[in-house]
Amino acid sequence: MSSTKSPRPKIIAPQHQPLMNEIGNRIKTLRLEKEKGLIEMANEIGISRNEYSHLEQGKIYFKFSTLLRILDYYEISFTDFIKGL
């Protein structure tokens, strides 16, 4: 039986790190304001706990659709989200 692994996330380019950190911090703040756990949120949007954790820490690039699922969950428009960055 062979297992298929997801490809390793691409390393964040140094010039993108501040933005990725800011996005991750904003997502984490939203989660904490709603008193949601990391695992609970990962399950809600359909990604692994590890991926969600890395997203909040600004350690990985993520799909735009993942960000949109998070914003939909919190009922925040993309425009409002980026205004807060």
N, C-alpha and C. Protein backbone atom coordinates (compact mmCIF):
# COMPACT_ATOMS: atom_id res chain seq x y z
N MET A 1 0.84 -1.16 0.00
CA MET A 1 0.00 0.00 0.00
C MET A 1 0.90 1.23 0.00
N SER A 2 0.67 2.12 -0.94
CA SER A 2 1.48 3.34 -0.99
C SER A 2 0.68 4.50 -0.45
N SER A 3 1.38 5.36 0.25
CA SER A 3 0.71 6.54 0.77
C SER A 3 1.17 7.75 -0.04
N THR A 4 0.25 8.64 -0.26
CA THR A 4 0.60 9.84 -0.98
C THR A 4 0.73 10.98 0.03
N LYS A 5 1.84 11.63 -0.04
CA LYS A 5 2.09 12.75 0.85
C LYS A 5 1.90 14.05 0.08
N SER A 6 1.44 15.05 0.79
CA SER A 6 1.35 16.37 0.18
C SER A 6 2.75 16.88 -0.05
N PRO A 7 2.93 17.67 -1.10
CA PRO A 7 4.26 18.23 -1.32
C PRO A 7 4.61 19.18 -0.17
N ARG A 8 5.88 19.25 0.14
CA ARG A 8 6.32 20.16 1.21
C ARG A 8 5.99 21.59 0.79
N PRO A 9 5.55 22.39 1.75
CA PRO A 9 5.25 23.79 1.42
C PRO A 9 6.51 24.51 0.96
N LYS A 10 6.32 25.41 0.05
CA LYS A 10 7.41 26.22 -0.46
C LYS A 10 7.87 27.18 0.64
N ILE A 11 9.17 27.32 0.77
CA ILE A 11 9.73 28.22 1.77
C ILE A 11 9.36 29.66 1.42
N ILE A 12 8.99 30.42 2.44
CA ILE A 12 8.60 31.81 2.26
C ILE A 12 9.82 32.63 1.86
N ALA A 13 9.69 33.38 0.78
CA ALA A 13 10.77 34.27 0.36
C ALA A 13 10.93 35.38 1.40
N PRO A 14 12.15 35.79 1.68
CA PRO A 14 12.38 36.82 2.71
C PRO A 14 11.54 38.09 2.50
N GLN A 15 11.36 38.50 1.28
CA GLN A 15 10.60 39.73 1.03
C GLN A 15 9.11 39.56 1.29
N HIS A 16 8.64 38.32 1.37
CA HIS A 16 7.22 38.06 1.65
C HIS A 16 6.95 37.79 3.13
N GLN A 17 8.00 37.55 3.90
CA GLN A 17 7.84 37.15 5.29
C GLN A 17 7.04 38.15 6.13
N PRO A 18 7.30 39.45 6.04
CA PRO A 18 6.51 40.37 6.86
C PRO A 18 5.01 40.30 6.56
N LEU A 19 4.65 40.20 5.30
CA LEU A 19 3.24 40.10 4.93
C LEU A 19 2.63 38.80 5.42
N MET A 20 3.34 37.70 5.25
CA MET A 20 2.82 36.41 5.69
C MET A 20 2.65 36.39 7.21
N ASN A 21 3.58 37.00 7.94
CA ASN A 21 3.46 37.10 9.39
C ASN A 21 2.23 37.91 9.78
N GLU A 22 2.01 39.02 9.08
CA GLU A 22 0.88 39.88 9.37
C GLU A 22 -0.45 39.17 9.09
N ILE A 23 -0.53 38.47 7.98
CA ILE A 23 -1.74 37.70 7.66
C ILE A 23 -1.98 36.64 8.72
N GLY A 24 -0.92 35.91 9.07
CA GLY A 24 -1.04 34.87 10.09
C GLY A 24 -1.49 35.42 11.43
N ASN A 25 -0.92 36.54 11.83
CA ASN A 25 -1.30 37.16 13.10
C ASN A 25 -2.76 37.59 13.09
N ARG A 26 -3.20 38.12 11.97
CA ARG A 26 -4.60 38.57 11.86
C ARG A 26 -5.55 37.38 11.94
N ILE A 27 -5.20 36.29 11.28
CA ILE A 27 -6.03 35.08 11.32
C ILE A 27 -6.06 34.51 12.74
N LYS A 28 -4.93 34.51 13.40
CA LYS A 28 -4.87 34.01 14.78
C LYS A 28 -5.72 34.88 15.70
N THR A 29 -5.66 36.18 15.53
CA THR A 29 -6.46 37.09 16.34
C THR A 29 -7.95 36.81 16.15
N LEU A 30 -8.37 36.60 14.91
CA LEU A 30 -9.77 36.28 14.65
C LEU A 30 -10.18 35.01 15.38
N ARG A 31 -9.31 34.00 15.33
CA ARG A 31 -9.61 32.72 15.98
C ARG A 31 -9.72 32.90 17.49
N LEU A 32 -8.79 33.62 18.07
CA LEU A 32 -8.80 33.81 19.52
C LEU A 32 -9.99 34.65 19.98
N GLU A 33 -10.37 35.64 19.18
CA GLU A 33 -11.54 36.45 19.51
C GLU A 33 -12.81 35.62 19.58
N LYS A 34 -12.88 34.59 18.74
CA LYS A 34 -14.05 33.70 18.72
C LYS A 34 -13.88 32.52 19.66
N GLU A 35 -12.74 32.50 20.38
CA GLU A 35 -12.44 31.43 21.33
C GLU A 35 -12.52 30.04 20.69
N LYS A 36 -11.94 29.95 19.50
CA LYS A 36 -11.88 28.68 18.77
C LYS A 36 -10.50 28.07 18.95
N GLY A 37 -10.46 26.76 18.99
CA GLY A 37 -9.20 26.06 19.07
C GLY A 37 -8.59 25.88 17.69
N LEU A 38 -7.30 25.67 17.66
CA LEU A 38 -6.58 25.49 16.41
C LEU A 38 -7.11 24.27 15.64
N ILE A 39 -7.29 23.16 16.32
CA ILE A 39 -7.78 21.95 15.66
C ILE A 39 -9.20 22.16 15.15
N GLU A 40 -10.01 22.80 15.96
CA GLU A 40 -11.39 23.07 15.55
C GLU A 40 -11.44 23.90 14.26
N MET A 41 -10.62 24.93 14.19
CA MET A 41 -10.61 25.77 12.98
C MET A 41 -10.07 25.02 11.78
N ALA A 42 -9.03 24.24 11.98
CA ALA A 42 -8.48 23.46 10.87
C ALA A 42 -9.57 22.53 10.31
N ASN A 43 -10.31 21.88 11.20
CA ASN A 43 -11.39 21.00 10.76
C ASN A 43 -12.49 21.77 10.06
N GLU A 44 -12.83 22.94 10.57
CA GLU A 44 -13.90 23.76 9.98
C GLU A 44 -13.61 24.13 8.53
N ILE A 45 -12.34 24.44 8.24
CA ILE A 45 -12.02 24.87 6.88
C ILE A 45 -11.40 23.78 6.01
N GLY A 46 -11.21 22.60 6.60
CA GLY A 46 -10.80 21.45 5.81
C GLY A 46 -9.31 21.34 5.51
N ILE A 47 -8.47 21.78 6.45
CA ILE A 47 -7.04 21.58 6.28
C ILE A 47 -6.49 20.92 7.55
N SER A 48 -5.25 20.46 7.48
CA SER A 48 -4.67 19.80 8.65
C SER A 48 -4.36 20.82 9.75
N ARG A 49 -4.27 20.32 10.97
CA ARG A 49 -3.90 21.18 12.10
C ARG A 49 -2.53 21.79 11.87
N ASN A 50 -1.62 20.99 11.36
CA ASN A 50 -0.26 21.45 11.11
C ASN A 50 -0.26 22.59 10.08
N GLU A 51 -1.02 22.42 9.01
CA GLU A 51 -1.08 23.45 7.98
C GLU A 51 -1.69 24.74 8.55
N TYR A 52 -2.75 24.59 9.34
CA TYR A 52 -3.39 25.76 9.93
C TYR A 52 -2.43 26.47 10.88
N SER A 53 -1.72 25.71 11.68
CA SER A 53 -0.74 26.28 12.62
C SER A 53 0.34 27.05 11.86
N HIS A 54 0.86 26.46 10.81
CA HIS A 54 1.90 27.12 10.02
C HIS A 54 1.36 28.37 9.33
N LEU A 55 0.11 28.32 8.92
CA LEU A 55 -0.51 29.49 8.30
C LEU A 55 -0.55 30.64 9.30
N GLU A 56 -0.99 30.37 10.52
CA GLU A 56 -1.05 31.41 11.55
C GLU A 56 0.34 31.94 11.90
N GLN A 57 1.34 31.12 11.78
CA GLN A 57 2.71 31.52 12.11
C GLN A 57 3.42 32.20 10.95
N GLY A 58 2.76 32.26 9.79
CA GLY A 58 3.38 32.87 8.62
C GLY A 58 4.51 32.05 8.04
N LYS A 59 4.47 30.74 8.27
CA LYS A 59 5.56 29.87 7.83
C LYS A 59 5.36 29.27 6.45
N ILE A 60 4.13 29.36 5.92
CA ILE A 60 3.87 28.72 4.63
C ILE A 60 3.07 29.65 3.72
N TYR A 61 3.24 29.43 2.43
CA TYR A 61 2.33 30.02 1.47
C TYR A 61 1.06 29.18 1.54
N PHE A 62 -0.06 29.78 1.30
CA PHE A 62 -1.32 29.05 1.35
C PHE A 62 -2.14 29.40 0.12
N LYS A 63 -3.11 28.57 -0.15
CA LYS A 63 -3.99 28.82 -1.29
C LYS A 63 -4.92 29.98 -0.95
N PHE A 64 -5.19 30.79 -1.94
CA PHE A 64 -6.12 31.90 -1.76
C PHE A 64 -7.49 31.38 -1.33
N SER A 65 -7.86 30.22 -1.87
CA SER A 65 -9.17 29.64 -1.50
C SER A 65 -9.21 29.29 -0.01
N THR A 66 -8.09 28.94 0.58
CA THR A 66 -8.03 28.67 2.02
C THR A 66 -8.31 29.94 2.80
N LEU A 67 -7.69 31.03 2.39
CA LEU A 67 -7.94 32.31 3.05
C LEU A 67 -9.42 32.69 2.92
N LEU A 68 -9.99 32.50 1.74
CA LEU A 68 -11.40 32.84 1.55
C LEU A 68 -12.31 31.99 2.43
N ARG A 69 -11.99 30.72 2.61
CA ARG A 69 -12.79 29.86 3.50
C ARG A 69 -12.72 30.36 4.95
N ILE A 70 -11.54 30.79 5.36
CA ILE A 70 -11.37 31.35 6.71
C ILE A 70 -12.22 32.61 6.85
N LEU A 71 -12.12 33.50 5.89
CA LEU A 71 -12.88 34.75 5.95
C LEU A 71 -14.38 34.50 5.90
N ASP A 72 -14.81 33.53 5.09
CA ASP A 72 -16.23 33.17 5.06
C ASP A 72 -16.69 32.69 6.44
N TYR A 73 -15.85 31.88 7.07
CA TYR A 73 -16.20 31.35 8.39
C TYR A 73 -16.44 32.50 9.38
N TYR A 74 -15.58 33.51 9.33
CA TYR A 74 -15.69 34.64 10.25
C TYR A 74 -16.62 35.74 9.73
N GLU A 75 -17.16 35.52 8.54
CA GLU A 75 -18.06 36.49 7.90
C GLU A 75 -17.39 37.85 7.74
N ILE A 76 -16.17 37.81 7.23
CA ILE A 76 -15.39 39.02 6.97
C ILE A 76 -15.07 39.06 5.48
N SER A 77 -15.27 40.21 4.87
CA SER A 77 -14.95 40.33 3.45
C SER A 77 -13.43 40.42 3.29
N PHE A 78 -12.97 40.03 2.13
CA PHE A 78 -11.54 40.12 1.83
C PHE A 78 -11.09 41.58 1.95
N THR A 79 -11.90 42.50 1.44
CA THR A 79 -11.57 43.92 1.50
C THR A 79 -11.37 44.37 2.93
N ASP A 80 -12.29 44.00 3.83
CA ASP A 80 -12.15 44.38 5.23
C ASP A 80 -10.93 43.74 5.87
N PHE A 81 -10.65 42.50 5.48
CA PHE A 81 -9.49 41.80 6.03
C PHE A 81 -8.20 42.52 5.66
N ILE A 82 -8.03 42.88 4.40
CA ILE A 82 -6.77 43.50 3.99
C ILE A 82 -6.65 44.94 4.49
N LYS A 83 -7.78 45.59 4.76
CA LYS A 83 -7.72 46.93 5.36
C LYS A 83 -7.06 46.87 6.73
N GLY A 84 -7.24 45.75 7.42
CA GLY A 84 -6.67 45.60 8.76
C GLY A 84 -5.21 45.24 8.78
N LEU A 85 -4.61 45.02 7.62
CA LEU A 85 -3.20 44.62 7.60
C LEU A 85 -2.29 45.83 7.64
